[in-house]
PDB file of N, CA and C in Angstrom:
ATOM      1  N   UNK A   1       0.622  -1.167   0.188  1.00  0.00           N
ATOM      2  CA  UNK A   1      -0.047   0.018  -0.101  1.00  0.00           C
ATOM      3  C   UNK A   1       0.937   1.175  -0.021  1.00  0.00           C
ATOM      4  N   UNK A   2       1.983   1.305   0.882  1.00  0.00           N
ATOM      5  CA  UNK A   2       2.736   2.451   0.966  1.00  0.00           C
ATOM      6  C   UNK A   2       3.397   2.680  -0.500  1.00  0.00           C
ATOM      7  N   UNK A   3       3.804   1.506  -1.359  1.00  0.00           N
ATOM      8  CA  UNK A   3       4.420   1.750  -2.611  1.00  0.00           C
ATOM      9  C   UNK A   3       3.499   2.396  -3.608  1.00  0.00           C
ATOM     10  N   UNK A   4       2.167   1.974  -3.477  1.00  0.00           N
ATOM     11  CA  UNK A   4       0.978   2.544  -4.313  1.00  0.00           C
ATOM     12  C   UNK A   4       0.970   4.259  -4.097  1.00  0.00           C
ATOM     13  N   UNK A   5       0.893   4.411  -3.028  1.00  0.00           N
ATOM     14  CA  UNK A   5       0.815   5.791  -2.381  1.00  0.00           C
ATOM     15  C   UNK A   5       2.066   6.653  -2.913  1.00  0.00           C
ATOM     16  N   UNK A   6       3.074   6.045  -2.580  1.00  0.00           N
ATOM     17  CA  UNK A   6       4.442   6.810  -3.212  1.00  0.00           C
ATOM     18  C   UNK A   6       4.432   6.995  -4.708  1.00  0.00           C
ATOM     19  N   UNK A   7       3.946   5.832  -5.459  1.00  0.00           N
ATOM     20  CA  UNK A   7       3.930   6.021  -6.882  1.00  0.00           C
ATOM     21  C   UNK A   7       2.960   7.172  -7.248  1.00  0.00           C
ATOM     22  N   UNK A   8       1.845   6.845  -6.628  1.00  0.00           N
ATOM     23  CA  UNK A   8       0.872   7.978  -7.158  1.00  0.00           C
ATOM     24  C   UNK A   8       1.175   9.512  -6.736  1.00  0.00           C
ATOM     25  N   UNK A   9       1.930   9.680  -5.496  1.00  0.00           N
ATOM     26  CA  UNK A   9       2.555  10.854  -5.119  1.00  0.00           C
ATOM     27  C   UNK A   9       3.427  11.475  -6.215  1.00  0.00           C
ATOM     28  N   UNK A  10       4.492  10.441  -6.784  1.00  0.00           N
ATOM     29  CA  UNK A  10       5.356  10.893  -7.450  1.00  0.00           C
ATOM     30  C   UNK A  10       4.741  11.287  -8.642  1.00  0.00           C
ATOM     31  N   UNK A  11       3.762  10.704  -9.365  1.00  0.00           N
ATOM     32  CA  UNK A  11       3.107  11.218 -10.688  1.00  0.00           C
ATOM     33  C   UNK A  11       2.382  12.475 -10.511  1.00  0.00           C
ATOM     34  N   UNK A  12       1.930  12.560  -9.279  1.00  0.00           N
ATOM     35  CA  UNK A  12       1.269  13.946  -9.067  1.00  0.00           C
ATOM     36  C   UNK A  12       2.279  14.888  -9.080  1.00  0.00           C
ATOM     37  N   UNK A  13       3.410  15.005  -8.422  1.00  0.00           N
ATOM     38  CA  UNK A  13       4.605  15.957  -8.283  1.00  0.00           C
ATOM     39  C   UNK A  13       5.025  16.130  -9.825  1.00  0.00           C
ATOM     40  N   UNK A  14       5.243  15.135 -10.625  1.00  0.00           N
ATOM     41  CA  UNK A  14       5.795  15.375 -11.962  1.00  0.00           C
ATOM     42  C   UNK A  14       4.716  16.118 -12.733  1.00  0.00           C
ATOM     43  N   UNK A  15       3.398  15.857 -12.525  1.00  0.00           N
ATOM     44  CA  UNK A  15       2.384  16.727 -13.384  1.00  0.00           C
ATOM     45  C   UNK A  15       2.368  17.885 -13.055  1.00  0.00           C
ATOM     46  N   UNK A  16       2.435  18.554 -11.425  1.00  0.00           N
ATOM     47  CA  UNK A  16       2.519  19.878 -10.922  1.00  0.00           C
ATOM     48  C   UNK A  16       3.644  20.452 -11.485  1.00  0.00           C
ATOM     49  N   UNK A  17       4.925  19.826 -11.408  1.00  0.00           N
ATOM     50  CA  UNK A  17       5.919  20.441 -12.038  1.00  0.00           C
ATOM     51  C   UNK A  17       5.857  20.880 -13.575  1.00  0.00           C
ATOM     52  N   UNK A  18       5.304  19.974 -14.355  1.00  0.00           N
ATOM     53  CA  UNK A  18       5.024  20.121 -15.743  1.00  0.00           C
ATOM     54  C   UNK A  18       4.026  21.242 -16.068  1.00  0.00           C
ATOM     55  N   UNK A  19       3.069  21.265 -15.145  1.00  0.00           N
ATOM     56  CA  UNK A  19       2.120  22.491 -15.371  1.00  0.00           C
ATOM     57  C   UNK A  19       2.709  23.786 -15.066  1.00  0.00           C
ATOM     58  N   UNK A  20       3.520  23.719 -13.905  1.00  0.00           N
ATOM     59  CA  UNK A  20       4.141  25.052 -13.513  1.00  0.00           C
ATOM     60  C   UNK A  20       5.149  25.585 -14.728  1.00  0.00           C
ATOM     61  N   UNK A  21       6.022  24.402 -15.245  1.00  0.00           N
ATOM     62  CA  UNK A  21       6.888  24.957 -16.194  1.00  0.00           C
ATOM     63  C   UNK A  21       6.515  25.549 -17.493  1.00  0.00           C
ATOM     64  N   UNK A  22       5.180  25.143 -17.726  1.00  0.00           N
ATOM     65  CA  UNK A  22       4.432  25.711 -18.893  1.00  0.00           C
ATOM     66  C   UNK A  22       4.091  27.078 -18.596  1.00  0.00           C
ATOM     67  N   UNK A  23       4.570  28.085 -19.198  1.00  0.00           N
ATOM     68  CA  UNK A  23       4.037  29.516 -18.919  1.00  0.00           C
ATOM     69  C   UNK A  23       4.240  30.239 -20.311  1.00  0.00           C
ATOM     70  N   UNK A  24       3.633  31.497 -20.190  1.00  0.00           N
ATOM     71  CA  UNK A  24       3.412  32.496 -21.425  1.00  0.00           C
ATOM     72  C   UNK A  24       2.551  31.701 -22.417  1.00  0.00           C
ATOM     73  N   UNK A  25       2.969  31.955 -23.752  1.00  0.00           N
ATOM     74  CA  UNK A  25       2.424  31.619 -24.855  1.00  0.00           C
ATOM     75  C   UNK A  25       2.083  30.065 -24.953  1.00  0.00           C
ATOM     76  N   UNK A  26       2.782  29.331 -24.147  1.00  0.00           N
ATOM     77  CA  UNK A  26       2.711  27.874 -24.166  1.00  0.00           C
ATOM     78  C   UNK A  26       1.399  27.442 -23.640  1.00  0.00           C
ATOM     79  N   UNK A  27       1.064  28.021 -22.487  1.00  0.00           N
ATOM     80  CA  UNK A  27      -0.381  27.830 -21.942  1.00  0.00           C
ATOM     81  C   UNK A  27      -1.396  28.246 -22.804  1.00  0.00           C
ATOM     82  N   UNK A  28      -1.193  29.227 -23.683  1.00  0.00           N
ATOM     83  CA  UNK A  28      -2.336  29.664 -24.558  1.00  0.00           C
ATOM     84  C   UNK A  28      -2.448  28.950 -25.718  1.00  0.00           C
ATOM     85  N   UNK A  29      -1.416  28.371 -26.168  1.00  0.00           N
ATOM     86  CA  UNK A  29      -1.761  27.674 -27.665  1.00  0.00           C
ATOM     87  C   UNK A  29      -2.265  26.431 -27.509  1.00  0.00           C
ATOM     88  N   UNK A  30      -2.966  26.068 -26.373  1.00  0.00           N
ATOM     89  CA  UNK A  30      -3.765  24.806 -26.349  1.00  0.00           C
ATOM     90  C   UNK A  30      -5.031  25.063 -26.999  1.00  0.00           C
ATOM     91  N   UNK A  31      -5.412  26.562 -26.937  1.00  0.00           N
ATOM     92  CA  UNK A  31      -6.599  26.942 -27.816  1.00  0.00           C
ATOM     93  C   UNK A  31      -6.389  27.863 -28.941  1.00  0.00           C
ATOM     94  N   UNK A  32      -5.428  28.890 -28.599  1.00  0.00           N
ATOM     95  CA  UNK A  32      -5.047  29.666 -29.676  1.00  0.00           C
ATOM     96  C   UNK A  32      -3.995  29.250 -30.568  1.00  0.00           C
ATOM     97  N   UNK A  33      -4.204  28.785 -31.488  1.00  0.00           N
ATOM     98  CA  UNK A  33      -3.242  27.929 -32.304  1.00  0.00           C
ATOM     99  C   UNK A  33      -2.275  29.143 -33.105  1.00  0.00           C
ATOM    100  N   UNK A  34      -1.007  28.604 -33.420  1.00  0.00           N
ATOM    101  CA  UNK A  34       0.070  29.401 -33.953  1.00  0.00           C
ATOM    102  C   UNK A  34      -0.337  29.473 -35.392  1.00  0.00           C
ATOM    103  N   UNK A  35      -0.956  28.887 -36.136  1.00  0.00           N
ATOM    104  CA  UNK A  35      -1.089  28.833 -37.450  1.00  0.00           C
ATOM    105  C   UNK A  35      -2.227  27.715 -37.856  1.00  0.00           C
ATOM    106  N   UNK A  36      -2.852  27.920 -39.015  1.00  0.00           N
ATOM    107  CA  UNK A  36      -3.752  26.884 -39.495  1.00  0.00           C
ATOM    108  C   UNK A  36      -5.120  27.173 -39.200  1.00  0.00           C
ATOM    109  N   UNK A  37      -6.088  26.195 -39.100  1.00  0.00           N
ATOM    110  CA  UNK A  37      -7.368  26.409 -38.921  1.00  0.00           C
ATOM    111  C   UNK A  37      -7.623  26.895 -37.323  1.00  0.00           C
ATOM    112  N   UNK A  38      -8.415  27.926 -37.201  1.00  0.00           N
ATOM    113  CA  UNK A  38      -8.751  28.194 -35.635  1.00  0.00           C
ATOM    114  C   UNK A  38      -9.418  26.992 -34.906  1.00  0.00           C
ATOM    115  N   UNK A  39      -9.194  26.718 -33.693  1.00  0.00           N
ATOM    116  CA  UNK A  39      -9.817  25.989 -32.659  1.00  0.00           C
ATOM    117  C   UNK A  39     -11.087  26.464 -32.629  1.00  0.00           C
ATOM    118  N   UNK A  40     -12.249  25.651 -32.777  1.00  0.00           N
ATOM    119  CA  UNK A  40     -13.530  26.235 -32.404  1.00  0.00           C
ATOM    120  C   UNK A  40     -13.840  25.737 -30.800  1.00  0.00           C
ATOM    121  N   UNK A  41     -14.612  26.527 -30.366  1.00  0.00           N
ATOM    122  CA  UNK A  41     -15.252  26.186 -29.032  1.00  0.00           C
ATOM    123  C   UNK A  41     -16.492  26.685 -28.740  1.00  0.00           C
ATOM    124  N   UNK A  42     -17.499  25.880 -28.597  1.00  0.00           N
ATOM    125  CA  UNK A  42     -18.964  26.185 -28.549  1.00  0.00           C
ATOM    126  C   UNK A  42     -19.415  26.879 -30.025  1.00  0.00           C
ATOM    127  N   UNK A  43     -18.787  26.288 -31.015  1.00  0.00           N
ATOM    128  CA  UNK A  43     -19.284  26.751 -32.261  1.00  0.00           C
ATOM    129  C   UNK A  43     -18.638  27.929 -32.804  1.00  0.00           C
ATOM    130  N   UNK A  44     -17.776  28.594 -31.998  1.00  0.00           N
ATOM    131  CA  UNK A  44     -17.201  30.038 -32.244  1.00  0.00           C
ATOM    132  C   UNK A  44     -15.603  29.914 -32.426  1.00  0.00           C
ATOM    133  N   UNK A  45     -14.997  30.404 -33.320  1.00  0.00           N
ATOM    134  CA  UNK A  45     -13.518  30.138 -33.525  1.00  0.00           C
ATOM    135  C   UNK A  45     -12.759  31.048 -32.387  1.00  0.00           C
ATOM    136  N   UNK A  46     -11.747  30.262 -32.224  1.00  0.00           N
ATOM    137  CA  UNK A  46     -10.792  31.058 -31.038  1.00  0.00           C
ATOM    138  C   UNK A  46      -9.868  31.673 -32.131  1.00  0.00           C
ATOM    139  N   UNK A  47      -9.500  32.915 -31.582  1.00  0.00           N
ATOM    140  CA  UNK A  47      -8.532  33.593 -32.319  1.00  0.00           C
ATOM    141  C   UNK A  47      -7.076  33.049 -32.557  1.00  0.00           C
ATOM    142  N   UNK A  48      -6.810  33.025 -33.346  1.00  0.00           N
ATOM    143  CA  UNK A  48      -4.999  32.470 -33.734  1.00  0.00           C
ATOM    144  C   UNK A  48      -4.072  33.466 -33.307  1.00  0.00           C
ATOM    145  N   UNK A  49      -2.898  33.172 -33.276  1.00  0.00           N
ATOM    146  CA  UNK A  49      -1.992  34.107 -32.865  1.00  0.00           C
ATOM    147  C   UNK A  49      -1.664  35.373 -33.629  1.00  0.00           C
ATOM    148  N   UNK A  50      -1.764  34.934 -35.073  1.00  0.00           N
ATOM    149  CA  UNK A  50      -1.719  35.973 -35.764  1.00  0.00           C
ATOM    150  C   UNK A  50      -2.832  37.165 -35.750  1.00  0.00           C
ATOM    151  N   UNK A  51      -4.124  36.417 -35.408  1.00  0.00           N
ATOM    152  CA  UNK A  51      -5.387  37.317 -35.138  1.00  0.00           C
ATOM    153  C   UNK A  51      -5.154  38.119 -33.942  1.00  0.00           C
ATOM    154  N   UNK A  52      -4.587  37.497 -32.774  1.00  0.00           N
ATOM    155  CA  UNK A  52      -4.260  38.108 -31.611  1.00  0.00           C
ATOM    156  C   UNK A  52      -3.357  39.380 -31.717  1.00  0.00           C
ATOM    157  N   UNK A  53      -2.362  39.234 -32.515  1.00  0.00           N
ATOM    158  CA  UNK A  53      -1.285  40.202 -32.909  1.00  0.00           C
ATOM    159  C   UNK A  53      -1.713  41.210 -33.542  1.00  0.00           C
ATOM    160  N   UNK A  54      -2.928  40.948 -34.371  1.00  0.00           N
ATOM    161  CA  UNK A  54      -3.371  41.926 -35.250  1.00  0.00           C
ATOM    162  C   UNK A  54      -4.326  42.990 -34.502  1.00  0.00           C
ATOM    163  N   UNK A  55      -5.036  42.103 -33.736  1.00  0.00           N
ATOM    164  CA  UNK A  55      -6.096  42.909 -32.624  1.00  0.00           C
ATOM    165  C   UNK A  55      -5.644  43.685 -31.735  1.00  0.00           C
ATOM    166  N   UNK A  56      -4.403  43.254 -30.969  1.00  0.00           N
ATOM    167  CA  UNK A  56      -3.869  43.768 -29.718  1.00  0.00           C
ATOM    168  C   UNK A  56      -2.349  44.322 -30.088  1.00  0.00           C
ATOM    169  N   UNK A  57      -2.398  45.785 -30.086  1.00  0.00           N
ATOM    170  CA  UNK A  57      -1.267  46.327 -30.374  1.00  0.00           C
ATOM    171  C   UNK A  57      -0.266  46.446 -29.094  1.00  0.00           C
ATOM    172  N   UNK A  58      -0.727  46.656 -28.046  1.00  0.00           N
ATOM    173  CA  UNK A  58      -0.011  46.734 -26.834  1.00  0.00           C
ATOM    174  C   UNK A  58      -0.381  45.602 -25.631  1.00  0.00           C
ATOM    175  N   UNK A  59       0.683  45.605 -24.761  1.00  0.00           N
ATOM    176  CA  UNK A  59       0.421  44.352 -23.663  1.00  0.00           C
ATOM    177  C   UNK A  59      -0.731  44.874 -22.983  1.00  0.00           C
ATOM    178  N   UNK A  60      -0.865  46.087 -22.867  1.00  0.00           N
ATOM    179  CA  UNK A  60      -2.037  46.738 -21.673  1.00  0.00           C
ATOM    180  C   UNK A  60      -3.560  46.166 -22.378  1.00  0.00           C
ATOM    181  N   UNK A  61      -3.591  46.611 -23.568  1.00  0.00           N
ATOM    182  CA  UNK A  61      -4.844  46.167 -24.282  1.00  0.00           C
ATOM    183  C   UNK A  61      -4.996  44.594 -24.149  1.00  0.00           C
ATOM    184  N   UNK A  62      -3.866  43.875 -24.492  1.00  0.00           N
ATOM    185  CA  UNK A  62      -4.066  42.501 -24.482  1.00  0.00           C
ATOM    186  C   UNK A  62      -4.472  41.734 -23.103  1.00  0.00           C
ATOM    187  N   UNK A  63      -3.778  42.470 -21.988  1.00  0.00           N
ATOM    188  CA  UNK A  63      -4.333  41.900 -20.579  1.00  0.00           C
ATOM    189  C   UNK A  63      -5.490  42.624 -20.263  1.00  0.00           C
ATOM    190  N   UNK A  64      -6.156  43.606 -20.641  1.00  0.00           N
ATOM    191  CA  UNK A  64      -7.463  44.050 -20.377  1.00  0.00           C
ATOM    192  C   UNK A  64      -8.391  43.104 -20.918  1.00  0.00           C
ATOM    193  N   UNK A  65      -8.380  42.674 -22.054  1.00  0.00           N
ATOM    194  CA  UNK A  65      -9.129  41.848 -23.044  1.00  0.00           C
ATOM    195  C   UNK A  65      -9.188  40.451 -22.363  1.00  0.00           C
ATOM    196  N   UNK A  66      -7.981  40.093 -21.956  1.00  0.00           N
ATOM    197  CA  UNK A  66      -7.925  38.793 -21.610  1.00  0.00           C
ATOM    198  C   UNK A  66      -8.697  38.649 -20.159  1.00  0.00           C
ATOM    199  N   UNK A  67      -8.432  39.611 -19.314  1.00  0.00           N
ATOM    200  CA  UNK A  67      -9.430  39.783 -18.107  1.00  0.00           C
ATOM    201  C   UNK A  67     -10.764  40.026 -18.027  1.00  0.00           C
ATOM    202  N   UNK A  68     -11.145  40.727 -19.124  1.00  0.00           N
ATOM    203  CA  UNK A  68     -12.556  40.833 -19.253  1.00  0.00           C
ATOM    204  C   UNK A  68     -13.168  39.892 -20.136  1.00  0.00           C
ATOM    205  N   UNK A  69     -12.565  38.681 -20.377  1.00  0.00           N
ATOM    206  CA  UNK A  69     -13.149  37.659 -21.256  1.00  0.00           C
ATOM    207  C   UNK A  69     -14.169  36.950 -20.361  1.00  0.00           C
ATOM    208  N   UNK A  70     -15.224  36.621 -21.335  1.00  0.00           N
ATOM    209  CA  UNK A  70     -16.535  36.010 -20.447  1.00  0.00           C
ATOM    210  C   UNK A  70     -16.431  34.532 -20.606  1.00  0.00           C
ATOM    211  N   UNK A  71     -15.617  34.004 -21.436  1.00  0.00           N
ATOM    212  CA  UNK A  71     -15.422  32.494 -21.615  1.00  0.00           C
ATOM    213  C   UNK A  71     -14.690  31.931 -20.066  1.00  0.00           C
ATOM    214  N   UNK A  72     -15.663  31.013 -19.604  1.00  0.00           N
ATOM    215  CA  UNK A  72     -15.134  30.544 -18.404  1.00  0.00           C
ATOM    216  C   UNK A  72     -13.890  29.871 -18.318  1.00  0.00           C
ATOM    217  N   UNK A  73     -13.407  29.356 -19.529  1.00  0.00           N
ATOM    218  CA  UNK A  73     -12.194  28.593 -19.599  1.00  0.00           C
ATOM    219  C   UNK A  73     -11.073  29.650 -19.373  1.00  0.00           C
ATOM    220  N   UNK A  74     -11.211  30.851 -19.846  1.00  0.00           N
ATOM    221  CA  UNK A  74     -10.243  31.955 -19.634  1.00  0.00           C
ATOM    222  C   UNK A  74      -9.823  32.412 -18.076  1.00  0.00           C
ATOM    223  N   UNK A  75     -10.935  31.684 -16.922  1.00  0.00           N
ATOM    224  CA  UNK A  75     -10.838  32.098 -15.833  1.00  0.00           C
ATOM    225  C   UNK A  75      -9.424  31.588 -15.143  1.00  0.00           C
ATOM    226  N   UNK A  76      -8.937  30.538 -15.710  1.00  0.00           N
ATOM    227  CA  UNK A  76      -7.649  30.024 -15.174  1.00  0.00           C
ATOM    228  C   UNK A  76      -6.528  30.575 -15.709  1.00  0.00           C
ATOM    229  N   UNK A  77      -6.693  31.746 -16.752  1.00  0.00           N
ATOM    230  CA  UNK A  77      -5.463  32.353 -17.064  1.00  0.00           C
ATOM    231  C   UNK A  77      -5.431  33.940 -16.994  1.00  0.00           C
ATOM    232  N   UNK A  78      -6.287  34.424 -16.024  1.00  0.00           N
ATOM    233  CA  UNK A  78      -6.274  35.918 -15.960  1.00  0.00           C
ATOM    234  C   UNK A  78      -5.398  36.234 -14.982  1.00  0.00           C
ATOM    235  N   UNK A  79      -4.635  35.565 -14.445  1.00  0.00           N
ATOM    236  CA  UNK A  79      -3.303  36.044 -13.481  1.00  0.00           C
ATOM    237  C   UNK A  79      -2.327  36.967 -14.245  1.00  0.00           C
ATOM    238  N   UNK A  80      -1.910  38.021 -13.535  1.00  0.00           N
ATOM    239  CA  UNK A  80      -0.952  38.887 -13.876  1.00  0.00           C
ATOM    240  C   UNK A  80       0.214  38.172 -14.481  1.00  0.00           C
ATOM    241  N   UNK A  81       0.704  37.268 -13.785  1.00  0.00           N
ATOM    242  CA  UNK A  81       2.008  36.515 -14.240  1.00  0.00           C
ATOM    243  C   UNK A  81       1.946  35.818 -15.495  1.00  0.00           C
ATOM    244  N   UNK A  82       0.698  35.095 -15.719  1.00  0.00           N
ATOM    245  CA  UNK A  82       0.376  34.482 -16.993  1.00  0.00           C
ATOM    246  C   UNK A  82       0.309  35.361 -18.123  1.00  0.00           C
ATOM    247  N   UNK A  83      -0.581  36.447 -17.930  1.00  0.00           N
ATOM    248  CA  UNK A  83      -0.764  37.478 -19.092  1.00  0.00           C
ATOM    249  C   UNK A  83       0.424  38.267 -19.411  1.00  0.00           C
ATOM    250  N   UNK A  84       1.370  38.547 -18.206  1.00  0.00           N
ATOM    251  CA  UNK A  84       2.624  39.375 -18.678  1.00  0.00           C
ATOM    252  C   UNK A  84       3.418  38.426 -19.416  1.00  0.00           C
ATOM    253  N   UNK A  85       3.702  37.135 -18.894  1.00  0.00           N
ATOM    254  CA  UNK A  85       4.543  36.164 -19.834  1.00  0.00           C
ATOM    255  C   UNK A  85       3.861  36.003 -21.000  1.00  0.00           C
ATOM    256  N   UNK A  86       2.776  35.937 -21.298  1.00  0.00           N
ATOM    257  CA  UNK A  86       2.052  35.671 -22.655  1.00  0.00           C
ATOM    258  C   UNK A  86       2.302  36.853 -23.462  1.00  0.00           C
ATOM    259  N   UNK A  87       2.102  38.221 -23.061  1.00  0.00           N
ATOM    260  CA  UNK A  87       2.271  39.194 -23.812  1.00  0.00           C
ATOM    261  C   UNK A  87       3.869  39.420 -24.158  1.00  0.00           C
ATOM    262  N   UNK A  88       4.653  39.120 -23.252  1.00  0.00           N
ATOM    263  CA  UNK A  88       6.142  39.344 -23.641  1.00  0.00           C
ATOM    264  C   UNK A  88       6.447  38.064 -24.897  1.00  0.00           C
ATOM    265  N   UNK A  89       5.980  36.968 -24.697  1.00  0.00           N
ATOM    266  CA  UNK A  89       6.263  35.840 -25.682  1.00  0.00           C
ATOM    267  C   UNK A  89       5.633  36.313 -26.992  1.00  0.00           C
ATOM    268  N   UNK A  90       4.592  36.869 -27.077  1.00  0.00           N
ATOM    269  CA  UNK A  90       4.078  37.521 -28.432  1.00  0.00           C
ATOM    270  C   UNK A  90       4.596  38.756 -28.934  1.00  0.00           C
ATOM    271  N   UNK A  91       5.578  39.347 -28.090  1.00  0.00           N
ATOM    272  CA  UNK A  91       6.212  40.671 -28.537  1.00  0.00           C
ATOM    273  C   UNK A  91       5.562  41.976 -28.096  1.00  0.00           C
ATOM    274  N   UNK A  92       4.401  41.855 -27.345  1.00  0.00           N
ATOM    275  CA  UNK A  92       3.672  43.244 -27.152  1.00  0.00           C
ATOM    276  C   UNK A  92       4.496  43.660 -26.181  1.00  0.00           C
ATOM    277  N   UNK A  93       4.413  45.208 -26.037  1.00  0.00           N
ATOM    278  CA  UNK A  93       5.014  46.124 -25.251  1.00  0.00           C
ATOM    279  C   UNK A  93       4.003  47.076 -24.431  1.00  0.00           C
TER     280      UNK A  93
END
């Protein structure tokens, strides 16, 4: 039993560190694809990286839009650290 608990605990720790190490645009590109056909969510296309860069010229505009997003999936990505890293990765100033 102790062996099973330790294995499960080790797997959980690996998953936590993998999630933490994913930052910036890496977190976003699960839905916001870099190129190709946009991902669809609820029948609506999600903006691609190119569309985001065209729509938002500054990091402040990008962060404001992300924080005001109504999609419940975006709630997990509204932290300042996530948005700052994403804006930096996108090259927004």
